[in-house]
Amino acid sequence: HGHKEYPEDVLCIDIGGATVLEQVLFNKMMLFSSFYHHQKVRASFRLLVRILELMRKSQVSLRGTRIDKASDFLLLDDGDVLSAETGGYPPELKQLIADLRGRRVPKRALVITKDVLLDDESRAEYFRLRHLPQTRVSWEEEISRRAGGVQPVFIDFPEEPGFAVSGLHSLVKLAPRRYVTLDVLYPASGWVSGYAEYRYRSYIFSPEGKERAVHKVALEVFGDKNIRLDKSLSSDLAKLPSP
């Protein structure tokens, strides 16, 4: 439909159909907390990423394909990765694949929210790790070493919800030559801000049975790096198993 702000024809939805799009956005909102950011999903994801990193580092070939660039993944499927458990590959890689196949995923040793980080400086320093993968890996290695060499240890930052743009850019036709963006009718961006403020969590994962050791060492490592944490709250959120 033509409009003075949109001189060319653009795709829009009639006000009568806007409810369906609102439901799609609402359902996706719920998926972030119940599925996308669930701690078991995040642990499985980190385990898979480590497997792929080791494959690339070890120059492993799967079905004749060596993982050197992003497009190489298009030639592989789940079976190709999981079948590497029985191949002539490095023991560490085979063990991680066996763990993934057997659903023996890492456990949460530390859960970090905004409230766990005690001040603005701690928040800024901690979340700076999100954009410094090499630094994050070095911290993971330090925690692992100081906890007695336990492997794997992961510091995980789930991606924040990014679907507010859908609301901002989806046009709704209210009447002839009158349009608004869906975000006016359904302010998804406000939910995204609230989620980031109160519901977003990041994790430190460890092997099962090593949660308390990794928890203790992670607190020490973060303290050494001037990241102050609420130890009681972090322990409660992690729901650590009884000693």
Protein backbone atom coordinates (compact mmCIF):
# COMPACT_ATOMS: atom_id res chain seq x y z
CA HIS A 1 0.00 0.00 0.00
CA GLY A 2 1.37 3.45 -0.90
CA HIS A 3 1.86 6.02 1.83
CA LYS A 4 3.57 9.39 2.06
CA GLU A 5 6.22 7.93 4.36
CA TYR A 6 6.52 4.87 2.11
CA PRO A 7 6.36 6.10 -1.50
CA GLU A 8 6.71 2.58 -2.88
CA ASP A 9 4.45 -0.36 -2.14
CA VAL A 10 5.38 -2.03 1.13
CA LEU A 11 4.28 -5.18 2.87
CA CYS A 12 1.90 -4.62 5.78
CA ILE A 13 -0.73 -6.43 7.79
CA ASP A 14 -4.32 -5.34 8.31
CA ILE A 15 -5.31 -4.38 11.85
CA GLY A 16 -7.62 -7.39 11.89
CA GLY A 17 -4.66 -9.72 11.47
CA ALA A 18 -2.28 -7.94 13.86
CA THR A 19 -3.32 -10.20 16.73
CA VAL A 20 -1.75 -13.19 14.98
CA LEU A 21 1.58 -11.38 14.69
CA GLU A 22 1.33 -10.32 18.32
CA GLN A 23 0.84 -13.95 19.31
CA VAL A 24 3.92 -14.97 17.33
CA LEU A 25 6.01 -12.37 19.16
CA PHE A 26 4.52 -13.31 22.54
CA ASN A 27 5.26 -17.00 21.99
CA LYS A 28 8.83 -16.18 21.01
CA MET A 29 9.20 -14.12 24.18
CA MET A 30 8.19 -17.12 26.26
CA LEU A 31 10.64 -19.34 24.38
CA PHE A 32 13.59 -17.22 25.50
CA SER A 33 13.05 -17.93 29.18
CA SER A 34 11.62 -21.45 28.86
CA PHE A 35 13.84 -22.83 26.07
CA TYR A 36 16.43 -20.67 24.31
CA HIS A 37 18.05 -19.55 27.59
CA HIS A 38 17.33 -22.65 29.65
CA GLN A 39 20.51 -23.69 31.42
CA LYS A 40 20.50 -27.23 29.95
CA VAL A 41 20.11 -25.87 26.42
CA ARG A 42 22.93 -23.41 27.00
CA ALA A 43 25.18 -26.14 28.44
CA SER A 44 24.50 -28.38 25.43
CA PHE A 45 25.24 -25.48 23.09
CA ARG A 46 28.56 -24.71 24.78
CA LEU A 47 29.51 -28.39 24.61
CA LEU A 48 28.73 -28.51 20.89
CA VAL A 49 30.72 -25.33 20.25
CA ARG A 50 33.72 -26.81 22.06
CA ILE A 51 33.45 -29.97 19.95
CA LEU A 52 33.45 -27.96 16.72
CA GLU A 53 36.35 -25.82 17.94
CA LEU A 54 38.38 -28.95 18.69
CA MET A 55 37.50 -30.41 15.29
CA ARG A 56 38.80 -27.31 13.59
CA LYS A 57 41.90 -27.11 15.78
CA SER A 58 42.66 -30.80 15.23
CA GLN A 59 42.05 -30.52 11.46
CA VAL A 60 39.47 -33.28 11.68
CA SER A 61 37.76 -34.35 8.47
CA LEU A 62 34.14 -35.51 8.59
CA ARG A 63 32.87 -37.40 5.55
CA GLY A 64 35.79 -35.88 3.67
CA THR A 65 34.98 -32.35 4.83
CA ARG A 66 37.46 -30.36 6.89
CA ILE A 67 36.01 -27.52 8.94
CA ASP A 68 37.91 -24.44 7.84
CA LYS A 69 35.14 -21.93 7.13
CA ALA A 70 31.49 -21.34 7.98
CA SER A 71 30.17 -22.75 4.70
CA ASP A 72 31.75 -26.14 5.50
CA PHE A 73 29.03 -26.71 8.10
CA LEU A 74 26.42 -26.76 5.32
CA LEU A 75 27.84 -30.09 4.14
CA LEU A 76 27.44 -31.78 7.54
CA ASP A 77 24.56 -32.97 9.69
CA ASP A 78 24.12 -34.22 13.26
CA GLY A 79 25.07 -37.76 12.33
CA ASP A 80 28.41 -36.68 10.90
CA VAL A 81 29.37 -34.99 14.17
CA LEU A 82 28.09 -37.71 16.51
CA SER A 83 29.68 -40.50 14.47
CA ALA A 84 33.11 -38.99 15.15
CA GLU A 85 32.87 -40.63 18.58
CA THR A 86 34.03 -43.90 17.04
CA GLY A 87 36.57 -42.48 14.60
CA GLY A 88 40.30 -42.18 14.96
CA TYR A 89 40.12 -38.76 16.55
CA PRO A 90 41.80 -37.19 19.63
CA PRO A 91 40.60 -38.72 22.94
CA GLU A 92 39.36 -35.38 24.30
CA LEU A 93 37.21 -34.86 21.22
CA LYS A 94 35.80 -38.38 21.35
CA GLN A 95 34.93 -37.97 25.03
CA LEU A 96 33.07 -34.70 24.43
CA ILE A 97 31.11 -36.26 21.57
CA ALA A 98 30.26 -39.27 23.75
CA ASP A 99 29.04 -36.88 26.47
CA LEU A 100 26.87 -35.02 23.97
CA ARG A 101 25.42 -38.23 22.57
CA GLY A 102 24.72 -39.50 26.09
CA ARG A 103 23.29 -36.14 27.18
CA ARG A 104 25.94 -35.80 29.86
CA VAL A 105 26.08 -32.04 29.58
CA PRO A 106 27.97 -29.70 31.92
CA LYS A 107 26.18 -28.47 35.03
CA ARG A 108 25.76 -24.92 36.24
CA ALA A 109 28.36 -24.02 38.84
CA LEU A 110 27.65 -20.31 38.95
CA VAL A 111 24.67 -18.23 37.80
CA ILE A 112 25.21 -14.51 37.30
CA THR A 113 22.48 -11.89 37.07
CA LYS A 114 22.67 -8.14 37.31
CA ASP A 115 21.96 -8.36 41.04
CA VAL A 116 24.78 -10.86 41.59
CA LEU A 117 27.23 -8.29 40.23
CA LEU A 118 27.53 -5.86 43.12
CA ASP A 119 28.45 -2.62 41.35
CA ASP A 120 28.60 -0.94 37.95
CA GLU A 121 32.33 -1.55 37.60
CA SER A 122 31.87 -5.27 38.18
CA ARG A 123 29.02 -5.41 35.65
CA ALA A 124 31.02 -3.55 33.02
CA GLU A 125 34.12 -5.72 33.47
CA TYR A 126 32.19 -8.98 33.52
CA PHE A 127 30.04 -8.31 30.47
CA ARG A 128 33.10 -7.02 28.61
CA LEU A 129 33.99 -10.71 28.33
CA ARG A 130 31.06 -11.18 25.96
CA HIS A 131 32.96 -9.33 23.25
CA LEU A 132 36.41 -10.74 24.12
CA PRO A 133 36.29 -14.45 23.27
CA GLN A 134 40.01 -14.99 23.74
CA THR A 135 39.92 -13.40 27.18
CA ARG A 136 36.89 -15.50 28.10
CA VAL A 137 38.73 -18.66 27.04
CA SER A 138 41.77 -17.70 29.13
CA TRP A 139 39.52 -17.19 32.17
CA GLU A 140 37.90 -20.58 31.55
CA GLU A 141 41.35 -22.15 31.44
CA GLU A 142 42.38 -20.39 34.64
CA ILE A 143 39.27 -21.56 36.50
CA SER A 144 39.83 -25.09 35.21
CA ARG A 145 43.50 -25.10 36.27
CA ARG A 146 42.84 -23.67 39.73
CA ALA A 147 39.99 -26.15 40.28
CA GLY A 148 42.36 -29.06 39.76
CA GLY A 149 42.27 -29.37 35.99
CA VAL A 150 38.57 -30.18 35.67
CA GLN A 151 37.26 -30.12 32.09
CA PRO A 152 35.27 -28.68 30.50
CA VAL A 153 34.64 -25.29 32.10
CA PHE A 154 32.54 -22.76 30.17
CA ILE A 155 31.63 -19.12 30.72
CA ASP A 156 28.41 -18.67 28.78
CA PHE A 157 26.67 -15.48 27.67
CA PRO A 158 23.32 -16.20 25.96
CA GLU A 159 22.39 -13.77 23.21
CA GLU A 160 19.92 -11.17 24.43
CA PRO A 161 16.48 -11.23 22.76
CA GLY A 162 16.76 -9.39 19.45
CA PHE A 163 13.30 -9.59 17.94
CA ALA A 164 12.14 -6.08 18.89
CA VAL A 165 13.12 -4.98 15.38
CA SER A 166 10.29 -7.17 14.07
CA GLY A 167 7.86 -5.07 16.06
CA LEU A 168 9.43 -1.81 15.02
CA HIS A 169 9.45 -2.63 11.29
CA SER A 170 6.19 -4.52 10.89
CA LEU A 171 3.60 -2.15 9.45
CA VAL A 172 -0.05 -2.39 10.47
CA LYS A 173 -2.77 -0.79 8.35
CA LEU A 174 -5.26 0.95 10.63
CA ALA A 175 -7.31 2.53 7.85
CA PRO A 176 -6.78 3.66 4.26
CA ARG A 177 -3.51 5.64 4.13
CA ARG A 178 -2.98 5.28 7.87
CA TYR A 179 -0.26 2.99 9.16
CA VAL A 180 1.66 2.38 12.37
CA THR A 181 4.40 -0.02 13.29
CA LEU A 182 3.43 -3.04 15.34
CA ASP A 183 5.58 -1.76 18.21
CA VAL A 184 3.02 1.02 18.76
CA LEU A 185 0.30 -1.57 19.35
CA TYR A 186 2.47 -4.21 21.00
CA PRO A 187 5.58 -2.69 22.65
CA ALA A 188 7.88 -5.69 22.45
CA SER A 189 10.92 -3.47 22.93
CA GLY A 190 9.80 -2.77 26.49
CA TRP A 191 9.74 -6.49 27.22
CA VAL A 192 13.26 -6.85 25.80
CA SER A 193 14.51 -4.08 28.12
CA GLY A 194 12.80 -5.69 31.11
CA TYR A 195 14.22 -9.10 30.23
CA ALA A 196 17.75 -7.73 29.96
CA GLU A 197 17.34 -5.93 33.29
CA TYR A 198 15.72 -8.60 35.44
CA ARG A 199 15.63 -12.02 33.77
CA TYR A 200 18.84 -12.34 31.77
CA ARG A 201 21.32 -14.86 33.20
CA SER A 202 24.80 -15.97 32.25
CA TYR A 203 26.45 -19.13 33.47
CA ILE A 204 29.67 -20.84 34.43
CA PHE A 205 29.39 -24.56 33.66
CA SER A 206 31.46 -27.43 34.99
CA PRO A 207 31.50 -31.24 34.79
CA GLU A 208 28.93 -32.98 36.95
CA GLY A 209 30.22 -33.53 40.47
CA LYS A 210 32.65 -30.60 40.25
CA GLU A 211 30.11 -27.81 40.61
CA ARG A 212 31.13 -26.72 44.10
CA ALA A 213 34.84 -26.73 43.33
CA VAL A 214 34.34 -24.68 40.16
CA HIS A 215 31.91 -22.36 41.96
CA LYS A 216 34.46 -21.60 44.67
CA VAL A 217 37.34 -21.06 42.26
CA ALA A 218 35.24 -18.94 39.87
CA LEU A 219 34.38 -16.57 42.73
CA GLU A 220 38.08 -16.30 43.56
CA VAL A 221 39.10 -15.69 39.94
CA PHE A 222 36.47 -13.01 39.46
CA GLY A 223 37.50 -11.38 42.74
CA ASP A 224 41.12 -11.29 41.58
CA LYS A 225 39.92 -9.45 38.48
CA ASN A 226 37.96 -6.85 40.47
CA ILE A 227 34.56 -8.37 39.72
CA ARG A 228 32.63 -8.32 43.00
CA LEU A 229 29.80 -10.84 43.36
CA ASP A 230 27.07 -11.47 45.89
CA LYS A 231 28.30 -14.89 47.00
CA SER A 232 25.12 -15.89 48.82
CA LEU A 233 22.82 -14.98 45.92
CA SER A 234 25.08 -16.62 43.35
CA SER A 235 25.07 -19.83 45.38
CA ASP A 236 21.28 -19.80 45.74
CA LEU A 237 20.76 -19.25 42.01
CA ALA A 238 23.13 -22.07 41.07
CA LYS A 239 21.21 -24.57 43.24
CA LEU A 240 24.41 -26.45 43.93
CA PRO A 241 24.13 -30.12 44.90
CA SER A 242 24.69 -31.06 48.53
CA PRO A 243 28.34 -31.82 49.40
